[in-house]
Amino acid sequence: MNKNLTYAGPLFVALLIVIILSLGVSNSTYGISKKIVSVTDFKKIPPIVLHTDDGKQYKFDVDIIQDAGHSTGEPSTAVNHLAHGDIVRLKKGEQITITYGSPFGFTDFVKGSLLNGHITAHERLSPNVQVTGKQIVFLQDFAPDESSIAQIPTTVKIGSYNLVILITYNEELRGYYVTNAIVN
């Protein structure tokens, strides 16, 4: 048996695996691969817009993308260190509309909450995103269609919060949009 052929089989398989992994998986209307790895990828994701009753608009970027890894076989988390967001001013009992689009295809679920606490995410291969503190949930939309309507609870205390909008795409990706909010 030829010694050169002994090494050719495993080398070919390794090369094939590298080529397949480098092609990535794309499922997006904005040309974003499911594996977010750079600031450039985050810039392609449009911000969500929150509209208040009095006509004000607040925009904020996605802060964290969590990939469950169902299609890639590799769960991961990416943090947008350059995320921007307006400070949102809300009133008790106020109706709001949140417009978010579909940057990763079908939107499965949207949850909105006021968080008196913080969110911790570990980048790369850790699918762990931790939300700690008290959450006041004001939106759970199981049939979203690029926007959702919600009402700020009248029971919420006046103060400063983290406004967290969690959007689940294609049962696999979670986008955490976080900004500061003041409730009066």
N, C-alpha and C. Protein backbone atom coordinates (compact mmCIF):
# COMPACT_ATOMS: atom_id res chain seq x y z
N MET A 1 0.85 -1.18 0.00
CA MET A 1 0.00 0.00 0.00
C MET A 1 0.89 1.24 0.00
N ASN A 2 0.49 2.24 -0.75
CA ASN A 2 1.25 3.47 -0.89
C ASN A 2 1.05 4.35 0.35
N LYS A 3 2.18 4.81 0.96
CA LYS A 3 2.12 5.63 2.17
C LYS A 3 1.41 6.96 1.92
N ASN A 4 1.56 7.54 0.74
CA ASN A 4 0.94 8.83 0.43
C ASN A 4 -0.58 8.72 0.43
N LEU A 5 -1.13 7.58 0.01
CA LEU A 5 -2.57 7.40 -0.01
C LEU A 5 -3.14 7.24 1.40
N THR A 6 -2.35 6.73 2.33
CA THR A 6 -2.78 6.55 3.70
C THR A 6 -3.15 7.89 4.33
N TYR A 7 -2.40 8.97 4.02
CA TYR A 7 -2.65 10.29 4.59
C TYR A 7 -3.65 11.09 3.77
N ALA A 8 -3.89 10.73 2.53
CA ALA A 8 -4.76 11.51 1.64
C ALA A 8 -6.22 11.47 2.09
N GLY A 9 -6.72 10.34 2.55
CA GLY A 9 -8.13 10.21 2.96
C GLY A 9 -8.48 11.14 4.11
N PRO A 10 -7.78 11.06 5.25
CA PRO A 10 -8.10 11.96 6.38
C PRO A 10 -7.87 13.43 6.03
N LEU A 11 -6.86 13.73 5.23
CA LEU A 11 -6.59 15.10 4.83
C LEU A 11 -7.74 15.65 3.98
N PHE A 12 -8.24 14.82 3.07
CA PHE A 12 -9.36 15.23 2.22
C PHE A 12 -10.61 15.50 3.07
N VAL A 13 -10.90 14.62 4.03
CA VAL A 13 -12.07 14.79 4.90
C VAL A 13 -11.94 16.07 5.72
N ALA A 14 -10.76 16.34 6.27
CA ALA A 14 -10.54 17.55 7.05
C ALA A 14 -10.73 18.79 6.19
N LEU A 15 -10.21 18.78 4.97
CA LEU A 15 -10.37 19.90 4.06
C LEU A 15 -11.83 20.12 3.71
N LEU A 16 -12.56 19.06 3.48
CA LEU A 16 -13.98 19.14 3.17
C LEU A 16 -14.77 19.75 4.33
N ILE A 17 -14.45 19.36 5.55
CA ILE A 17 -15.12 19.92 6.73
C ILE A 17 -14.85 21.41 6.84
N VAL A 18 -13.62 21.84 6.64
CA VAL A 18 -13.27 23.26 6.71
C VAL A 18 -14.03 24.05 5.65
N ILE A 19 -14.15 23.52 4.46
CA ILE A 19 -14.87 24.21 3.38
C ILE A 19 -16.35 24.34 3.73
N ILE A 20 -16.96 23.29 4.23
CA ILE A 20 -18.38 23.31 4.58
C ILE A 20 -18.63 24.31 5.70
N LEU A 21 -17.78 24.31 6.73
CA LEU A 21 -17.97 25.24 7.84
C LEU A 21 -17.76 26.68 7.43
N SER A 22 -16.87 26.93 6.49
CA SER A 22 -16.62 28.30 6.07
C SER A 22 -17.74 28.87 5.21
N LEU A 23 -18.57 28.01 4.62
CA LEU A 23 -19.69 28.49 3.82
C LEU A 23 -20.77 29.11 4.68
N GLY A 24 -20.93 28.62 5.91
CA GLY A 24 -21.92 29.18 6.83
C GLY A 24 -23.34 28.86 6.39
N VAL A 25 -24.29 29.27 7.23
CA VAL A 25 -25.70 29.09 6.95
C VAL A 25 -26.34 30.46 6.95
N SER A 26 -27.05 30.80 5.89
CA SER A 26 -27.68 32.10 5.83
C SER A 26 -29.18 31.95 5.77
N ASN A 27 -29.87 32.71 6.63
CA ASN A 27 -31.32 32.69 6.64
C ASN A 27 -31.77 34.10 7.01
N SER A 28 -31.65 35.03 6.08
CA SER A 28 -31.88 36.39 6.43
C SER A 28 -32.30 37.23 5.24
N THR A 29 -33.11 38.21 5.52
CA THR A 29 -33.48 39.15 4.48
C THR A 29 -32.46 40.27 4.39
N TYR A 30 -31.53 40.34 5.33
CA TYR A 30 -30.51 41.38 5.33
C TYR A 30 -29.12 40.83 5.02
N GLY A 31 -29.01 39.57 4.64
CA GLY A 31 -27.73 38.99 4.28
C GLY A 31 -26.83 38.73 5.48
N ILE A 32 -27.40 38.41 6.63
CA ILE A 32 -26.62 38.16 7.83
C ILE A 32 -26.58 36.67 8.07
N SER A 33 -25.38 36.13 8.28
CA SER A 33 -25.31 34.71 8.57
C SER A 33 -25.85 34.49 9.97
N LYS A 34 -26.29 33.27 10.24
CA LYS A 34 -26.82 32.98 11.56
C LYS A 34 -25.73 33.07 12.63
N LYS A 35 -24.49 32.94 12.25
CA LYS A 35 -23.40 33.02 13.19
C LYS A 35 -22.86 34.45 13.19
N ILE A 36 -23.30 35.26 14.12
CA ILE A 36 -22.87 36.65 14.23
C ILE A 36 -21.50 36.67 14.88
N VAL A 37 -20.54 37.29 14.21
CA VAL A 37 -19.20 37.29 14.77
C VAL A 37 -18.52 38.66 14.77
N SER A 38 -19.08 39.65 14.09
CA SER A 38 -18.36 40.92 14.02
C SER A 38 -19.30 42.10 14.15
N VAL A 39 -18.70 43.26 14.38
CA VAL A 39 -19.44 44.51 14.47
C VAL A 39 -20.17 44.77 13.16
N THR A 40 -19.56 44.40 12.04
CA THR A 40 -20.18 44.59 10.73
C THR A 40 -21.50 43.84 10.65
N ASP A 41 -21.54 42.61 11.18
CA ASP A 41 -22.79 41.84 11.18
C ASP A 41 -23.88 42.58 11.96
N PHE A 42 -23.54 43.14 13.12
CA PHE A 42 -24.52 43.85 13.93
C PHE A 42 -25.03 45.10 13.22
N LYS A 43 -24.17 45.77 12.45
CA LYS A 43 -24.58 46.98 11.75
C LYS A 43 -25.64 46.70 10.70
N LYS A 44 -25.74 45.47 10.23
CA LYS A 44 -26.72 45.09 9.21
C LYS A 44 -28.10 44.84 9.80
N ILE A 45 -28.19 44.75 11.12
CA ILE A 45 -29.46 44.49 11.78
C ILE A 45 -30.10 45.84 12.11
N PRO A 46 -31.29 46.11 11.57
CA PRO A 46 -31.92 47.41 11.85
C PRO A 46 -32.36 47.52 13.31
N PRO A 47 -32.36 48.74 13.86
CA PRO A 47 -32.82 48.91 15.24
C PRO A 47 -34.33 48.72 15.31
N ILE A 48 -34.81 48.44 16.52
CA ILE A 48 -36.26 48.42 16.70
C ILE A 48 -36.68 49.84 17.06
N VAL A 49 -37.95 50.14 16.83
CA VAL A 49 -38.48 51.47 17.11
C VAL A 49 -39.67 51.33 18.04
N LEU A 50 -39.64 52.08 19.12
CA LEU A 50 -40.74 52.11 20.08
C LEU A 50 -41.48 53.43 19.89
N HIS A 51 -42.79 53.35 19.65
CA HIS A 51 -43.64 54.53 19.45
C HIS A 51 -44.53 54.68 20.68
N THR A 52 -44.59 55.90 21.24
CA THR A 52 -45.44 56.15 22.39
C THR A 52 -46.74 56.82 21.95
N ASP A 53 -47.70 56.91 22.88
CA ASP A 53 -49.00 57.54 22.62
C ASP A 53 -48.87 58.99 22.15
N ASP A 54 -47.87 59.69 22.68
CA ASP A 54 -47.73 61.11 22.34
C ASP A 54 -46.92 61.35 21.07
N GLY A 55 -46.64 60.28 20.31
CA GLY A 55 -45.99 60.42 19.01
C GLY A 55 -44.47 60.37 19.02
N LYS A 56 -43.87 60.18 20.17
CA LYS A 56 -42.40 60.09 20.23
C LYS A 56 -41.93 58.73 19.73
N GLN A 57 -40.75 58.73 19.11
CA GLN A 57 -40.14 57.49 18.64
C GLN A 57 -38.77 57.32 19.29
N TYR A 58 -38.50 56.11 19.74
CA TYR A 58 -37.21 55.77 20.34
C TYR A 58 -36.64 54.58 19.59
N LYS A 59 -35.37 54.67 19.20
CA LYS A 59 -34.72 53.58 18.48
C LYS A 59 -33.63 52.97 19.36
N PHE A 60 -33.50 51.63 19.25
CA PHE A 60 -32.37 51.00 19.92
C PHE A 60 -31.95 49.72 19.20
N ASP A 61 -30.63 49.49 19.25
CA ASP A 61 -29.99 48.39 18.54
C ASP A 61 -30.07 47.09 19.33
N VAL A 62 -29.86 46.00 18.62
CA VAL A 62 -29.77 44.69 19.26
C VAL A 62 -28.47 44.67 20.08
N ASP A 63 -28.56 44.17 21.30
CA ASP A 63 -27.40 44.08 22.19
C ASP A 63 -26.77 42.69 22.20
N ILE A 64 -27.63 41.68 22.16
CA ILE A 64 -27.14 40.30 22.27
C ILE A 64 -27.90 39.43 21.27
N ILE A 65 -27.16 38.58 20.56
CA ILE A 65 -27.76 37.55 19.71
C ILE A 65 -27.34 36.20 20.28
N GLN A 66 -28.32 35.37 20.56
CA GLN A 66 -28.07 34.04 21.09
C GLN A 66 -28.58 33.02 20.06
N ASP A 67 -27.69 32.14 19.63
CA ASP A 67 -28.02 31.10 18.64
C ASP A 67 -28.06 29.76 19.36
N ALA A 68 -29.22 29.11 19.34
CA ALA A 68 -29.36 27.81 20.01
C ALA A 68 -28.54 26.72 19.34
N GLY A 69 -28.17 26.94 18.08
CA GLY A 69 -27.32 25.98 17.38
C GLY A 69 -28.04 24.80 16.77
N HIS A 70 -29.37 24.87 16.62
CA HIS A 70 -30.12 23.74 16.05
C HIS A 70 -29.66 23.41 14.63
N SER A 71 -29.47 24.44 13.81
CA SER A 71 -29.08 24.17 12.42
C SER A 71 -27.57 24.07 12.24
N THR A 72 -26.80 24.74 13.10
CA THR A 72 -25.34 24.71 12.96
C THR A 72 -24.69 23.64 13.81
N GLY A 73 -25.42 23.16 14.83
CA GLY A 73 -24.84 22.18 15.73
C GLY A 73 -23.91 22.81 16.76
N GLU A 74 -23.85 24.14 16.78
CA GLU A 74 -22.93 24.84 17.66
C GLU A 74 -23.59 26.07 18.26
N PRO A 75 -24.09 25.98 19.50
CA PRO A 75 -24.71 27.15 20.12
C PRO A 75 -23.67 28.25 20.35
N SER A 76 -24.11 29.51 20.24
CA SER A 76 -23.18 30.61 20.45
C SER A 76 -23.93 31.86 20.87
N THR A 77 -23.19 32.81 21.41
CA THR A 77 -23.73 34.09 21.83
C THR A 77 -22.78 35.18 21.37
N ALA A 78 -23.34 36.26 20.84
CA ALA A 78 -22.53 37.40 20.41
C ALA A 78 -23.08 38.66 21.05
N VAL A 79 -22.19 39.54 21.50
CA VAL A 79 -22.57 40.78 22.17
C VAL A 79 -22.19 41.95 21.28
N ASN A 80 -23.12 42.86 21.09
CA ASN A 80 -22.88 44.07 20.31
C ASN A 80 -22.36 45.14 21.26
N HIS A 81 -21.05 45.31 21.30
CA HIS A 81 -20.44 46.27 22.22
C HIS A 81 -20.64 47.72 21.78
N LEU A 82 -21.14 47.93 20.57
CA LEU A 82 -21.36 49.28 20.05
C LEU A 82 -22.85 49.61 19.92
N ALA A 83 -23.70 48.90 20.63
CA ALA A 83 -25.14 49.12 20.54
C ALA A 83 -25.49 50.52 21.05
N HIS A 84 -26.41 51.17 20.35
CA HIS A 84 -26.90 52.48 20.74
C HIS A 84 -28.38 52.38 21.08
N GLY A 85 -28.81 53.21 21.98
CA GLY A 85 -30.23 53.23 22.31
C GLY A 85 -30.62 54.53 22.98
N ASP A 86 -31.78 55.03 22.62
CA ASP A 86 -32.31 56.23 23.26
C ASP A 86 -32.78 55.87 24.66
N ILE A 87 -32.76 56.86 25.55
CA ILE A 87 -33.39 56.68 26.85
C ILE A 87 -34.88 56.86 26.63
N VAL A 88 -35.63 55.82 26.94
CA VAL A 88 -37.06 55.80 26.67
C VAL A 88 -37.81 56.34 27.90
N ARG A 89 -38.70 57.28 27.64
CA ARG A 89 -39.53 57.85 28.71
C ARG A 89 -40.95 57.32 28.54
N LEU A 90 -41.41 56.61 29.56
CA LEU A 90 -42.72 55.97 29.52
C LEU A 90 -43.60 56.48 30.66
N LYS A 91 -44.90 56.30 30.48
CA LYS A 91 -45.87 56.67 31.52
C LYS A 91 -46.66 55.43 31.91
N LYS A 92 -47.04 55.36 33.17
CA LYS A 92 -47.90 54.27 33.63
C LYS A 92 -49.17 54.23 32.80
N GLY A 93 -49.57 53.06 32.36
CA GLY A 93 -50.80 52.89 31.61
C GLY A 93 -50.71 53.29 30.14
N GLU A 94 -49.56 53.76 29.71
CA GLU A 94 -49.39 54.22 28.32
C GLU A 94 -49.35 53.05 27.35
N GLN A 95 -50.01 53.23 26.21
CA GLN A 95 -49.95 52.23 25.14
C GLN A 95 -48.75 52.54 24.26
N ILE A 96 -48.00 51.51 23.91
CA ILE A 96 -46.83 51.67 23.04
C ILE A 96 -46.92 50.67 21.89
N THR A 97 -46.24 51.01 20.80
CA THR A 97 -46.11 50.10 19.66
C THR A 97 -44.63 49.89 19.42
N ILE A 98 -44.23 48.64 19.25
CA ILE A 98 -42.84 48.31 18.99
C ILE A 98 -42.76 47.72 17.59
N THR A 99 -41.94 48.34 16.75
CA THR A 99 -41.75 47.87 15.37
C THR A 99 -40.36 47.27 15.28
N TYR A 100 -40.26 46.03 14.77
CA TYR A 100 -38.98 45.33 14.81
C TYR A 100 -38.57 44.65 13.51
N GLY A 101 -39.41 44.49 12.55
CA GLY A 101 -39.00 43.84 11.30
C GLY A 101 -38.67 42.37 11.50
N SER A 102 -38.01 41.80 10.49
CA SER A 102 -37.65 40.37 10.53
C SER A 102 -36.24 40.16 9.96
N PRO A 103 -35.20 40.60 10.66
CA PRO A 103 -33.86 40.49 10.10
C PRO A 103 -33.35 39.06 9.94
N PHE A 104 -33.95 38.09 10.63
CA PHE A 104 -33.50 36.71 10.54
C PHE A 104 -34.59 35.79 10.02
N GLY A 105 -35.55 36.32 9.31
CA GLY A 105 -36.65 35.50 8.84
C GLY A 105 -37.84 35.61 9.76
N PHE A 106 -38.58 34.54 9.89
CA PHE A 106 -39.84 34.52 10.65
C PHE A 106 -39.61 34.85 12.12
N THR A 107 -40.46 35.73 12.66
CA THR A 107 -40.43 36.09 14.08
C THR A 107 -41.46 35.24 14.80
N ASP A 108 -41.00 34.47 15.80
CA ASP A 108 -41.86 33.55 16.53
C ASP A 108 -42.54 34.17 17.74
N PHE A 109 -41.80 35.02 18.45
CA PHE A 109 -42.26 35.46 19.77
C PHE A 109 -41.58 36.77 20.12
N VAL A 110 -42.32 37.67 20.77
CA VAL A 110 -41.77 38.93 21.25
C VAL A 110 -42.21 39.11 22.70
N LYS A 111 -41.24 39.42 23.54
CA LYS A 111 -41.52 39.65 24.96
C LYS A 111 -40.92 41.01 25.34
N GLY A 112 -41.70 41.81 26.03
CA GLY A 112 -41.21 43.10 26.51
C GLY A 112 -41.30 43.15 28.02
N SER A 113 -40.24 43.67 28.66
CA SER A 113 -40.28 43.76 30.11
C SER A 113 -39.45 44.95 30.60
N LEU A 114 -39.81 45.42 31.78
CA LEU A 114 -39.02 46.41 32.49
C LEU A 114 -38.23 45.63 33.52
N LEU A 115 -36.93 45.76 33.48
CA LEU A 115 -36.05 44.97 34.34
C LEU A 115 -35.38 45.86 35.37
N ASN A 116 -35.57 45.51 36.61
CA ASN A 116 -34.84 46.15 37.69
C ASN A 116 -33.73 45.17 38.05
N GLY A 117 -32.67 45.19 37.25
CA GLY A 117 -31.57 44.24 37.37
C GLY A 117 -30.66 44.39 36.17
N HIS A 118 -30.07 43.28 35.74
CA HIS A 118 -29.16 43.36 34.60
C HIS A 118 -29.13 42.05 33.81
N ILE A 119 -28.52 42.14 32.62
CA ILE A 119 -28.36 40.99 31.74
C ILE A 119 -26.87 40.71 31.58
N THR A 120 -26.50 39.45 31.70
CA THR A 120 -25.12 39.03 31.51
C THR A 120 -25.07 38.01 30.38
N ALA A 121 -24.13 38.22 29.46
CA ALA A 121 -23.97 37.28 28.34
C ALA A 121 -22.49 36.99 28.15
N HIS A 122 -22.19 35.73 27.89
CA HIS A 122 -20.83 35.31 27.59
C HIS A 122 -20.75 35.05 26.09
N GLU A 123 -19.75 35.63 25.45
CA GLU A 123 -19.62 35.53 24.00
C GLU A 123 -19.09 34.17 23.57
N ARG A 124 -19.22 33.96 22.28
CA ARG A 124 -18.74 32.80 21.53
C ARG A 124 -19.55 31.55 21.82
N LEU A 125 -18.93 30.51 22.33
CA LEU A 125 -19.58 29.21 22.39
C LEU A 125 -20.40 28.96 23.66
N SER A 126 -20.67 29.99 24.43
CA SER A 126 -21.52 29.82 25.59
C SER A 126 -22.91 30.33 25.27
N PRO A 127 -23.90 29.46 25.22
CA PRO A 127 -25.24 29.91 24.88
C PRO A 127 -25.96 30.57 26.05
N ASN A 128 -25.24 30.87 27.10
CA ASN A 128 -25.84 31.32 28.34
C ASN A 128 -26.03 32.83 28.36
N VAL A 129 -27.27 33.26 28.48
CA VAL A 129 -27.61 34.65 28.72
C VAL A 129 -28.43 34.65 30.00
N GLN A 130 -27.97 35.41 30.99
CA GLN A 130 -28.65 35.44 32.28
C GLN A 130 -29.33 36.79 32.49
N VAL A 131 -30.59 36.73 32.86
CA VAL A 131 -31.34 37.92 33.22
C VAL A 131 -31.59 37.82 34.72
N THR A 132 -31.03 38.76 35.49
CA THR A 132 -31.18 38.72 36.94
C THR A 132 -31.88 39.99 37.42
N GLY A 133 -32.70 39.82 38.41
CA GLY A 133 -33.45 40.94 38.96
C GLY A 133 -34.93 40.73 38.75
N LYS A 134 -35.70 41.75 39.11
CA LYS A 134 -37.16 41.68 38.98
C LYS A 134 -37.59 42.17 37.61
N GLN A 135 -38.37 41.34 36.91
CA GLN A 135 -38.90 41.71 35.60
C GLN A 135 -40.40 41.99 35.71
N ILE A 136 -40.81 43.07 35.09
CA ILE A 136 -42.22 43.39 34.98
C ILE A 136 -42.57 43.22 33.51
N VAL A 137 -43.21 42.11 33.17
CA VAL A 137 -43.52 41.78 31.78
C VAL A 137 -44.77 42.56 31.37
N PHE A 138 -44.67 43.28 30.25
CA PHE A 138 -45.81 44.02 29.74
C PHE A 138 -46.21 43.59 28.33
N LEU A 139 -45.45 42.67 27.73
CA LEU A 139 -45.76 42.22 26.38
C LEU A 139 -45.33 40.76 26.22
N GLN A 140 -46.25 39.94 25.71
CA GLN A 140 -45.95 38.57 25.28
C GLN A 140 -46.77 38.35 24.02
N ASP A 141 -46.12 38.48 22.87
CA ASP A 141 -46.81 38.36 21.58
C ASP A 141 -46.40 37.05 20.93
N PHE A 142 -47.34 36.10 20.87
CA PHE A 142 -47.08 34.78 20.31
C PHE A 142 -47.38 34.72 18.81
N ALA A 143 -47.91 35.82 18.26
CA ALA A 143 -48.20 35.88 16.82
C ALA A 143 -47.75 37.24 16.27
N PRO A 144 -46.46 37.55 16.40
CA PRO A 144 -45.99 38.87 15.98
C PRO A 144 -45.98 39.02 14.46
N ASP A 145 -46.15 40.26 14.03
CA ASP A 145 -46.15 40.55 12.60
C ASP A 145 -45.42 41.87 12.34
N GLU A 146 -44.14 41.91 12.66
CA GLU A 146 -43.24 43.05 12.48
C GLU A 146 -43.54 44.23 13.39
N SER A 147 -44.61 44.15 14.19
CA SER A 147 -44.85 45.14 15.23
C SER A 147 -45.79 44.54 16.27
N SER A 148 -45.71 45.07 17.49
CA SER A 148 -46.54 44.59 18.58
C SER A 148 -47.04 45.80 19.37
N ILE A 149 -48.24 45.69 19.91
CA ILE A 149 -48.82 46.74 20.73
C ILE A 149 -48.88 46.24 22.16
N ALA A 150 -48.49 47.11 23.10
CA ALA A 150 -48.48 46.74 24.51
C ALA A 150 -48.89 47.94 25.35
N GLN A 151 -49.12 47.68 26.62
CA GLN A 151 -49.45 48.75 27.54
C GLN A 151 -48.56 48.62 28.78
N ILE A 152 -48.00 49.76 29.19
CA ILE A 152 -47.18 49.79 30.40
C ILE A 152 -48.13 49.62 31.59
N PRO A 153 -47.85 48.68 32.49
CA PRO A 153 -48.77 48.44 33.61
C PRO A 153 -48.92 49.69 34.50
N THR A 154 -50.11 49.87 35.01
CA THR A 154 -50.36 51.00 35.91
C THR A 154 -49.78 50.72 37.29
N THR A 155 -49.44 49.47 37.56
CA THR A 155 -48.92 49.09 38.87
C THR A 155 -47.40 49.24 38.98
N VAL A 156 -46.73 49.55 37.86
CA VAL A 156 -45.28 49.67 37.88
C VAL A 156 -44.87 50.90 38.71
N LYS A 157 -43.80 50.77 39.46
CA LYS A 157 -43.32 51.88 40.27
C LYS A 157 -42.60 52.90 39.40
N ILE A 158 -42.70 54.16 39.77
CA ILE A 158 -41.96 55.22 39.08
C ILE A 158 -40.48 54.99 39.33
N GLY A 159 -39.66 55.12 38.27
CA GLY A 159 -38.23 54.93 38.44
C GLY A 159 -37.53 54.57 37.15
N SER A 160 -36.25 54.20 37.29
CA SER A 160 -35.41 53.82 36.15
C SER A 160 -35.35 52.30 36.03
N TYR A 161 -35.38 51.83 34.78
CA TYR A 161 -35.36 50.40 34.49
C TYR A 161 -34.51 50.15 33.26
N ASN A 162 -34.20 48.89 33.03
CA ASN A 162 -33.71 48.43 31.73
C ASN A 162 -34.93 47.96 30.98
N LEU A 163 -35.15 48.52 29.81
CA LEU A 163 -36.23 48.07 28.95
C LEU A 163 -35.66 46.96 28.09
N VAL A 164 -36.24 45.76 28.18
CA VAL A 164 -35.73 44.59 27.47
C VAL A 164 -36.79 44.08 26.51
N ILE A 165 -36.45 44.05 25.24
CA ILE A 165 -37.31 43.44 24.23
C ILE A 165 -36.58 42.20 23.74
N LEU A 166 -37.18 41.05 23.95
CA LEU A 166 -36.62 39.77 23.53
C LEU A 166 -37.42 39.28 22.33
N ILE A 167 -36.72 39.05 21.22
CA ILE A 167 -37.37 38.56 20.01
C ILE A 167 -36.76 37.21 19.64
N THR A 168 -37.62 36.21 19.43
CA THR A 168 -37.16 34.89 19.01
C THR A 168 -37.48 34.72 17.53
N TYR A 169 -36.45 34.35 16.77
CA TYR A 169 -36.57 34.16 15.32
C TYR A 169 -36.37 32.68 14.98
N ASN A 170 -37.25 32.13 14.14
CA ASN A 170 -37.11 30.77 13.61
C ASN A 170 -36.81 29.73 14.69
N GLU A 171 -37.37 29.90 15.87
CA GLU A 171 -37.20 28.98 16.99
C GLU A 171 -35.75 28.73 17.36
N GLU A 172 -34.84 29.55 16.86
CA GLU A 172 -33.42 29.27 17.07
C GLU A 172 -32.64 30.48 17.56
N LEU A 173 -32.90 31.63 17.02
CA LEU A 173 -32.15 32.84 17.39
C LEU A 173 -32.96 33.70 18.34
N ARG A 174 -32.27 34.27 19.32
CA ARG A 174 -32.89 35.22 20.24
C ARG A 174 -32.12 36.53 20.15
N GLY A 175 -32.85 37.61 19.94
CA GLY A 175 -32.25 38.93 19.93
C GLY A 175 -32.70 39.68 21.17
N TYR A 176 -31.75 40.14 21.96
CA TYR A 176 -32.04 40.93 23.15
C TYR A 176 -31.77 42.40 22.84
N TYR A 177 -32.80 43.22 22.85
CA TYR A 177 -32.68 44.65 22.63
C TYR A 177 -32.86 45.29 24.00
N VAL A 178 -31.85 46.03 24.46
CA VAL A 178 -31.89 46.58 25.82
C VAL A 178 -31.55 48.06 25.77
N THR A 179 -32.31 48.86 26.49
CA THR A 179 -32.01 50.28 26.63
C THR A 179 -32.52 50.76 27.98
N ASN A 180 -32.15 51.96 28.37
CA ASN A 180 -32.61 52.53 29.63
C ASN A 180 -34.00 53.11 29.45
N ALA A 181 -34.82 52.97 30.50
CA ALA A 181 -36.17 53.52 30.48
C ALA A 181 -36.46 54.21 31.80
N ILE A 182 -37.20 55.30 31.70
CA ILE A 182 -37.66 56.02 32.89
C ILE A 182 -39.18 56.00 32.84
N VAL A 183 -39.78 55.51 33.92
CA VAL A 183 -41.24 55.44 34.01
C VAL A 183 -41.70 56.52 34.97
N ASN A 184 -42.64 57.35 34.50
CA ASN A 184 -43.24 58.41 35.33
C ASN A 184 -44.69 58.09 35.62
